[in-house]
Amino acid sequence: MKNQARLIPATLADCPVIQNMAQFYVYDISRTCGFISHEWTCPKDGLYECFDFKIYFTDKNRRAFLIKVGEELAGFALLHKQCENEEIYWKMGEFFVLGKFQGKGIGGKIAREIWQQFQGSWKVSVIPENTPAYGFWKSVITKYTYSCFTESVEKVDFDVHQPQRIIFKFESSPYHLRLATIEDAAAIVDLQVRGWKHSYKGIIDQSYLDSICSKQRLDWRLENMAKGDSWTFVVEYNGKIVGECDVGYSRTPEFGKGEIFALYVDTDHHRKGIATMLWNAAVEKLHQENLVPYIVITLTKNSPARAFYQSMGSIVCSEVQTTIDGKLYGEVVYACEAYKQD
């Protein structure tokens, strides 16, 4: 769109504006939920009503935002921080994009911006009958988390007419995953070289690790990325690449159609879920490209990598050998059919 959507903190003075838009919010939901109970009946004055949103401006655990495109109102978002069974999480209380702006990617953009601002545990609940909302949230959350979420049906105590809700649970983090570009090549090579020297210390001859040339690897990386027959995902933290994963067509098609070639995470960011994030993104891409089954190969003595691949559901299908700097090393080939969610 000509003007990008913006998320703007709302003040108490904006409460009447959001309350007015809420009439259209209720009308939209009534398309699918209007027959749940008599409470969805259109009032005699012809104006749908919504509960009072003022609490979102007076409660310290709540936040209210306007959504604008340019200077035009486009919707609102209301958040609620809750504590339940000693679990603290953010909840998407109410979320609405005006009909004029629906179907243009604005809702997804704003949702992602909210999750980046308010990091931690999240829950998004949907009335089962509200199928458009269900499809929207499942799609946006799947893409945002790269399938690292749970979905369940739970009972609520505030709606006697429809006591069930579909609940999406996931974590919002400062780590951002995306597809790599040519401009990322040098940072990826630097991460890989540091990864080799850390992961293979004591496994591969130190003389070889000391001789690894970043310049040579960068030339290969640039050439390979230019071909366009493989894909690289990276994870950023404060603008710095701290994880990467390469995926594409298998180099040994007798074992699988696709392959995860490499997966590296900066040592300062281990145990943050980055490896799982990269793995799920790679596997989703392999499924999209119909490169299933797929494989991943690692050195036999690389115990941490083997433990991770096995935790993701990989199964040893073969043992082979590879030559590095004129010396033979054992490798394990893992076969994979599906990916595992956290």
Protein backbone atom coordinates (compact mmCIF):
# COMPACT_ATOMS: atom_id res chain seq x y z
CA MET A 1 0.00 0.00 0.00
CA LYS A 2 1.12 3.59 -0.54
CA ASN A 3 1.17 4.35 3.21
CA GLN A 4 2.42 1.68 5.57
CA ALA A 5 0.40 0.57 8.57
CA ARG A 6 1.55 1.95 11.91
CA LEU A 7 0.96 0.89 15.49
CA ILE A 8 0.32 3.93 17.70
CA PRO A 9 -0.03 3.86 21.50
CA ALA A 10 -3.52 5.06 22.41
CA THR A 11 -4.32 7.46 25.26
CA LEU A 12 -7.48 7.77 27.33
CA ALA A 13 -8.62 10.48 24.90
CA ASP A 14 -8.64 7.81 22.17
CA CYS A 15 -10.96 5.52 24.12
CA PRO A 16 -14.19 6.91 22.53
CA VAL A 17 -12.66 6.45 19.05
CA ILE A 18 -11.82 2.80 19.73
CA GLN A 19 -15.24 2.28 21.32
CA ASN A 20 -16.86 3.63 18.14
CA MET A 21 -14.83 1.30 15.93
CA ALA A 22 -15.81 -1.58 18.21
CA GLN A 23 -19.35 -1.42 16.78
CA PHE A 24 -17.93 -2.54 13.43
CA TYR A 25 -15.75 -5.08 15.24
CA VAL A 26 -18.82 -6.73 16.77
CA TYR A 27 -20.65 -6.55 13.43
CA ASP A 28 -17.76 -8.34 11.71
CA ILE A 29 -17.71 -11.12 14.29
CA SER A 30 -21.50 -11.50 14.11
CA ARG A 31 -21.13 -12.89 10.60
CA THR A 32 -19.90 -16.18 12.05
CA CYS A 33 -20.79 -15.95 15.76
CA GLY A 34 -24.16 -14.19 15.51
CA PHE A 35 -26.21 -17.34 16.11
CA ILE A 36 -24.41 -18.51 19.26
CA SER A 37 -26.89 -16.71 21.52
CA HIS A 38 -29.45 -13.91 21.74
CA GLU A 39 -26.69 -11.59 22.98
CA TRP A 40 -25.59 -11.14 19.37
CA THR A 41 -28.97 -9.71 18.37
CA CYS A 42 -28.73 -6.30 16.73
CA PRO A 43 -30.09 -3.65 19.18
CA LYS A 44 -33.32 -1.83 18.32
CA ASP A 45 -31.44 1.38 17.57
CA GLY A 46 -29.49 -0.49 14.86
CA LEU A 47 -26.09 -0.01 16.53
CA TYR A 48 -24.10 -3.01 17.70
CA GLU A 49 -22.58 -2.58 21.14
CA CYS A 50 -19.32 -3.77 22.69
CA PHE A 51 -18.26 -3.91 26.33
CA ASP A 52 -16.54 -0.87 27.79
CA PHE A 53 -12.87 -0.73 26.76
CA LYS A 54 -11.92 1.89 29.35
CA ILE A 55 -10.18 -0.75 31.49
CA TYR A 56 -7.50 -1.01 28.78
CA PHE A 57 -6.53 2.57 29.63
CA THR A 58 -6.72 2.40 33.42
CA ASP A 59 -5.30 -1.05 34.21
CA LYS A 60 -1.48 -1.09 34.37
CA ASN A 61 -1.44 -4.64 32.95
CA ARG A 62 -3.24 -3.64 29.76
CA ARG A 63 -2.22 -1.76 26.64
CA ALA A 64 -4.25 -0.06 23.90
CA PHE A 65 -3.13 0.84 20.38
CA LEU A 66 -4.58 2.49 17.33
CA ILE A 67 -3.75 1.10 13.90
CA LYS A 68 -3.35 3.74 11.22
CA VAL A 69 -2.52 3.71 7.52
CA GLY A 70 -1.05 7.10 6.82
CA GLU A 71 -3.22 9.36 8.96
CA GLU A 72 -6.36 7.27 8.48
CA LEU A 73 -7.78 5.05 11.20
CA ALA A 74 -7.49 1.39 10.24
CA GLY A 75 -8.28 -0.49 13.46
CA PHE A 76 -7.14 -1.14 17.01
CA ALA A 77 -5.31 -3.67 19.19
CA LEU A 78 -5.89 -4.24 22.91
CA LEU A 79 -3.46 -6.31 25.00
CA HIS A 80 -3.76 -7.85 28.44
CA LYS A 81 -0.94 -9.16 30.64
CA GLN A 82 -2.20 -11.98 32.86
CA CYS A 83 -0.96 -14.37 35.50
CA GLU A 84 -2.51 -17.82 35.67
CA ASN A 85 -1.21 -20.75 37.74
CA GLU A 86 2.03 -18.76 38.26
CA GLU A 87 2.39 -18.40 34.50
CA ILE A 88 2.72 -14.83 33.21
CA TYR A 89 1.74 -14.24 29.62
CA TRP A 90 0.44 -11.64 27.20
CA LYS A 91 -3.01 -12.08 25.68
CA MET A 92 -4.37 -10.49 22.53
CA GLY A 93 -7.53 -9.10 24.13
CA GLU A 94 -9.20 -7.53 21.09
CA PHE A 95 -7.79 -7.05 17.60
CA PHE A 96 -9.57 -5.41 14.66
CA VAL A 97 -8.76 -4.11 11.20
CA LEU A 98 -11.47 -2.14 9.39
CA GLY A 99 -12.99 -3.86 6.35
CA LYS A 100 -11.41 -1.40 3.92
CA PHE A 101 -7.96 -2.57 5.00
CA GLN A 102 -8.59 -6.27 5.49
CA GLY A 103 -6.86 -8.78 3.21
CA LYS A 104 -3.89 -6.47 2.60
CA GLY A 105 -1.38 -7.92 5.06
CA ILE A 106 -1.90 -5.14 7.60
CA GLY A 107 -3.15 -7.39 10.39
CA GLY A 108 -0.15 -9.70 10.13
CA LYS A 109 2.32 -6.82 10.06
CA ILE A 110 0.80 -5.20 13.13
CA ALA A 111 0.58 -8.50 15.04
CA ARG A 112 4.27 -9.20 14.42
CA GLU A 113 5.18 -5.68 15.53
CA ILE A 114 3.24 -6.18 18.77
CA TRP A 115 4.94 -9.50 19.49
CA GLN A 116 8.36 -7.96 18.98
CA GLN A 117 7.54 -5.11 21.36
CA PHE A 118 6.07 -7.34 24.07
CA GLN A 119 8.33 -10.34 24.31
CA GLY A 120 7.61 -13.42 26.37
CA SER A 121 4.80 -15.97 26.53
CA TRP A 122 1.70 -15.29 24.47
CA LYS A 123 -1.84 -16.64 24.15
CA VAL A 124 -4.28 -15.84 21.37
CA SER A 125 -7.81 -17.18 21.82
CA VAL A 126 -10.45 -17.60 19.14
CA ILE A 127 -14.15 -18.46 19.34
CA PRO A 128 -14.45 -21.78 17.43
CA GLU A 129 -17.25 -20.42 15.21
CA ASN A 130 -15.07 -17.46 14.15
CA THR A 131 -13.43 -19.33 11.28
CA PRO A 132 -11.96 -16.25 9.54
CA ALA A 133 -10.16 -15.24 12.75
CA TYR A 134 -8.97 -18.81 13.27
CA GLY A 135 -7.49 -18.96 9.76
CA PHE A 136 -5.85 -15.55 10.17
CA TRP A 137 -4.23 -16.25 13.53
CA LYS A 138 -3.06 -19.73 12.65
CA SER A 139 -1.42 -18.47 9.46
CA VAL A 140 0.25 -15.45 11.09
CA ILE A 141 1.45 -17.36 14.16
CA THR A 142 2.75 -20.26 12.06
CA LYS A 143 4.82 -17.88 9.94
CA TYR A 144 6.00 -15.80 12.88
CA THR A 145 7.11 -18.76 15.01
CA TYR A 146 8.01 -21.08 12.14
CA SER A 147 5.58 -23.62 13.60
CA CYS A 148 6.90 -23.36 17.17
CA PHE A 149 3.49 -23.04 18.84
CA THR A 150 0.78 -25.17 20.42
CA GLU A 151 -2.92 -25.21 19.64
CA SER A 152 -5.55 -26.52 22.02
CA VAL A 153 -9.23 -26.23 22.87
CA GLU A 154 -9.85 -25.02 26.42
CA LYS A 155 -12.88 -24.23 28.55
CA VAL A 156 -13.49 -20.65 29.72
CA ASP A 157 -15.70 -19.45 32.55
CA PHE A 158 -16.83 -16.10 31.14
CA ASP A 159 -19.04 -17.29 28.25
CA VAL A 160 -21.96 -19.54 29.18
CA HIS A 161 -23.20 -19.75 25.60
CA GLN A 162 -19.88 -20.85 24.06
CA PRO A 163 -17.53 -21.99 26.85
CA GLN A 164 -14.81 -23.23 24.50
CA ARG A 165 -11.93 -21.33 22.96
CA ILE A 166 -9.18 -22.34 20.56
CA ILE A 167 -5.93 -21.25 22.22
CA PHE A 168 -2.64 -20.62 20.43
CA LYS A 169 0.39 -20.52 22.75
CA PHE A 170 3.87 -19.42 21.70
CA GLU A 171 6.93 -17.41 22.68
CA SER A 172 7.88 -14.01 21.32
CA SER A 173 11.62 -13.38 21.39
CA PRO A 174 14.24 -10.79 20.34
CA TYR A 175 15.45 -13.23 17.70
CA HIS A 176 14.29 -12.57 14.15
CA LEU A 177 14.36 -15.27 11.47
CA ARG A 178 14.40 -14.52 7.74
CA LEU A 179 15.74 -15.73 4.41
CA ALA A 180 19.31 -14.65 3.76
CA THR A 181 20.37 -12.31 0.97
CA ILE A 182 23.67 -11.91 -0.88
CA GLU A 183 24.51 -9.05 1.50
CA ASP A 184 24.55 -11.56 4.39
CA ALA A 185 27.22 -13.78 2.84
CA ALA A 186 30.22 -12.42 4.74
CA ALA A 187 28.45 -12.59 8.11
CA ILE A 188 27.31 -16.16 7.40
CA VAL A 189 30.85 -17.26 6.49
CA ASP A 190 32.23 -15.64 9.64
CA LEU A 191 29.65 -17.50 11.75
CA GLN A 192 30.45 -20.80 10.01
CA VAL A 193 34.22 -20.45 10.45
CA ARG A 194 33.78 -19.72 14.15
CA GLY A 195 31.34 -22.62 14.35
CA TRP A 196 33.80 -25.03 12.76
CA LYS A 197 36.61 -24.01 15.11
CA HIS A 198 34.35 -24.44 18.14
CA SER A 199 32.37 -27.56 17.21
CA TYR A 200 35.18 -29.58 15.64
CA LYS A 201 37.95 -28.82 18.11
CA GLY A 202 39.41 -32.17 19.11
CA ILE A 203 37.56 -33.91 16.26
CA ILE A 204 39.31 -32.51 13.18
CA ASP A 205 43.05 -31.85 13.13
CA GLN A 206 43.75 -28.45 14.68
CA SER A 207 46.18 -27.57 11.89
CA TYR A 208 43.31 -27.71 9.40
CA LEU A 209 40.96 -25.70 11.61
CA ASP A 210 43.65 -23.03 11.98
CA SER A 211 44.07 -22.87 8.20
CA ILE A 212 40.41 -22.33 7.29
CA CYS A 213 40.26 -19.39 4.88
CA SER A 214 37.23 -17.13 5.13
CA LYS A 215 38.00 -15.53 1.73
CA GLN A 216 37.83 -18.87 -0.07
CA ARG A 217 34.62 -19.82 1.69
CA LEU A 218 33.08 -16.42 0.91
CA ASP A 219 33.75 -16.87 -2.82
CA TRP A 220 32.04 -20.27 -2.69
CA ARG A 221 29.12 -18.84 -0.69
CA LEU A 222 28.54 -16.00 -3.15
CA GLU A 223 28.70 -18.35 -6.11
CA ASN A 224 26.35 -20.86 -4.50
CA MET A 225 23.79 -18.25 -3.42
CA ALA A 226 23.75 -16.79 -6.92
CA LYS A 227 22.63 -20.16 -8.36
CA GLY A 228 19.30 -19.96 -6.56
CA ASP A 229 18.90 -23.73 -6.12
CA SER A 230 19.29 -23.71 -2.34
CA TRP A 231 18.06 -21.54 0.50
CA THR A 232 19.66 -20.07 3.60
CA PHE A 233 17.81 -18.94 6.71
CA VAL A 234 19.42 -16.63 9.23
CA VAL A 235 18.48 -15.52 12.73
CA GLU A 236 19.32 -11.97 13.80
CA TYR A 237 19.77 -10.51 17.26
CA ASN A 238 20.01 -6.71 17.44
CA GLY A 239 20.87 -6.68 13.75
CA LYS A 240 23.65 -9.27 14.04
CA ILE A 241 23.40 -12.73 12.46
CA VAL A 242 23.69 -15.30 15.26
CA GLY A 243 22.38 -18.39 13.49
CA GLU A 244 22.15 -19.81 9.98
CA CYS A 245 20.88 -22.90 8.19
CA ASP A 246 21.41 -24.04 4.59
CA VAL A 247 18.89 -26.29 2.85
CA GLY A 248 18.30 -27.58 -0.68
CA TYR A 249 18.45 -30.59 -2.99
CA SER A 250 20.17 -33.63 -1.53
CA ARG A 251 23.77 -34.30 -2.52
CA THR A 252 23.05 -38.03 -2.06
CA PRO A 253 19.57 -38.57 -3.55
CA GLU A 254 19.67 -42.28 -2.74
CA PHE A 255 19.04 -41.28 0.88
CA GLY A 256 16.57 -38.42 0.36
CA LYS A 257 15.29 -35.75 -2.02
CA GLY A 258 16.26 -32.83 0.18
CA GLU A 259 19.03 -32.04 2.61
CA ILE A 260 19.83 -29.72 5.49
CA PHE A 261 23.44 -28.93 4.68
CA ALA A 262 24.50 -26.88 7.68
CA LEU A 263 23.15 -25.39 10.90
CA TYR A 264 25.24 -23.06 13.03
CA VAL A 265 24.42 -20.98 16.13
CA ASP A 266 26.75 -18.46 17.72
CA THR A 267 28.13 -19.90 20.97
CA ASP A 268 26.91 -16.82 22.91
CA HIS A 269 23.34 -17.67 21.89
CA HIS A 270 23.18 -21.39 22.55
CA ARG A 271 20.13 -22.81 24.34
CA LYS A 272 17.85 -19.99 23.18
CA GLY A 273 15.75 -22.10 20.81
CA ILE A 274 17.55 -20.75 17.73
CA ALA A 275 18.53 -24.18 16.39
CA THR A 276 14.91 -25.36 16.62
CA MET A 277 13.72 -22.17 14.94
CA LEU A 278 16.15 -22.68 12.05
CA TRP A 279 15.39 -26.39 11.79
CA ASN A 280 11.63 -25.81 11.56
CA ALA A 281 12.09 -23.09 8.93
CA ALA A 282 14.33 -25.37 6.85
CA VAL A 283 11.92 -28.29 7.10
CA GLU A 284 8.95 -26.14 6.17
CA LYS A 285 10.85 -25.00 3.06
CA LEU A 286 11.69 -28.59 2.15
CA HIS A 287 8.02 -29.50 2.38
CA GLN A 288 7.05 -26.49 0.26
CA GLU A 289 9.54 -27.55 -2.42
CA ASN A 290 8.44 -31.22 -2.19
CA LEU A 291 11.95 -32.26 -1.14
CA VAL A 292 10.78 -34.97 1.25
CA PRO A 293 12.16 -37.24 2.59
CA TYR A 294 15.23 -35.24 3.47
CA ILE A 295 18.53 -35.94 5.21
CA VAL A 296 21.14 -34.30 7.38
CA ILE A 297 24.75 -35.47 7.69
CA THR A 298 27.19 -34.83 10.51
CA LEU A 299 30.53 -36.14 11.73
CA THR A 300 30.19 -39.27 13.84
CA LYS A 301 32.03 -37.68 16.75
CA ASN A 302 29.92 -34.49 16.73
CA SER A 303 27.85 -35.59 19.73
CA PRO A 304 25.95 -32.27 20.34
CA ALA A 305 24.76 -32.12 16.72
CA ARG A 306 23.75 -35.78 16.75
CA ALA A 307 21.77 -35.31 19.96
CA PHE A 308 19.93 -32.34 18.47
CA TYR A 309 19.08 -34.10 15.19
CA GLN A 310 17.79 -37.11 17.09
CA SER A 311 15.69 -34.86 19.32
CA MET A 312 14.04 -33.51 16.16
CA GLY A 313 12.97 -37.00 15.12
CA SER A 314 15.85 -37.90 12.79
CA ILE A 315 16.83 -41.56 12.42
CA VAL A 316 20.26 -42.94 11.44
CA CYS A 317 19.98 -44.48 7.99
CA SER A 318 23.64 -44.90 7.00
CA GLU A 319 27.25 -44.40 8.03
CA VAL A 320 29.72 -43.06 5.48
CA GLN A 321 33.17 -41.51 5.33
CA THR A 322 34.37 -38.13 4.14
CA THR A 323 37.83 -36.73 3.40
CA ILE A 324 38.95 -33.50 5.06
CA ASP A 325 42.43 -32.24 4.30
CA GLY A 326 43.47 -35.70 3.11
CA LYS A 327 42.21 -37.56 6.18
CA LEU A 328 39.18 -39.81 6.53
CA TYR A 329 36.45 -39.04 9.05
CA GLY A 330 33.29 -40.99 9.83
CA GLU A 331 29.90 -39.43 9.16
CA VAL A 332 26.34 -40.34 10.10
CA VAL A 333 23.44 -39.85 7.68
CA TYR A 334 20.13 -39.08 9.34
CA ALA A 335 16.86 -39.61 7.47
CA CYS A 336 13.93 -37.35 8.24
CA GLU A 337 10.30 -37.52 7.16
CA ALA A 338 8.64 -34.90 9.33
CA TYR A 339 9.63 -32.13 11.66
CA LYS A 340 9.02 -31.82 15.34
CA GLN A 341 7.43 -28.86 17.08
CA ASP A 342 8.55 -27.69 20.50
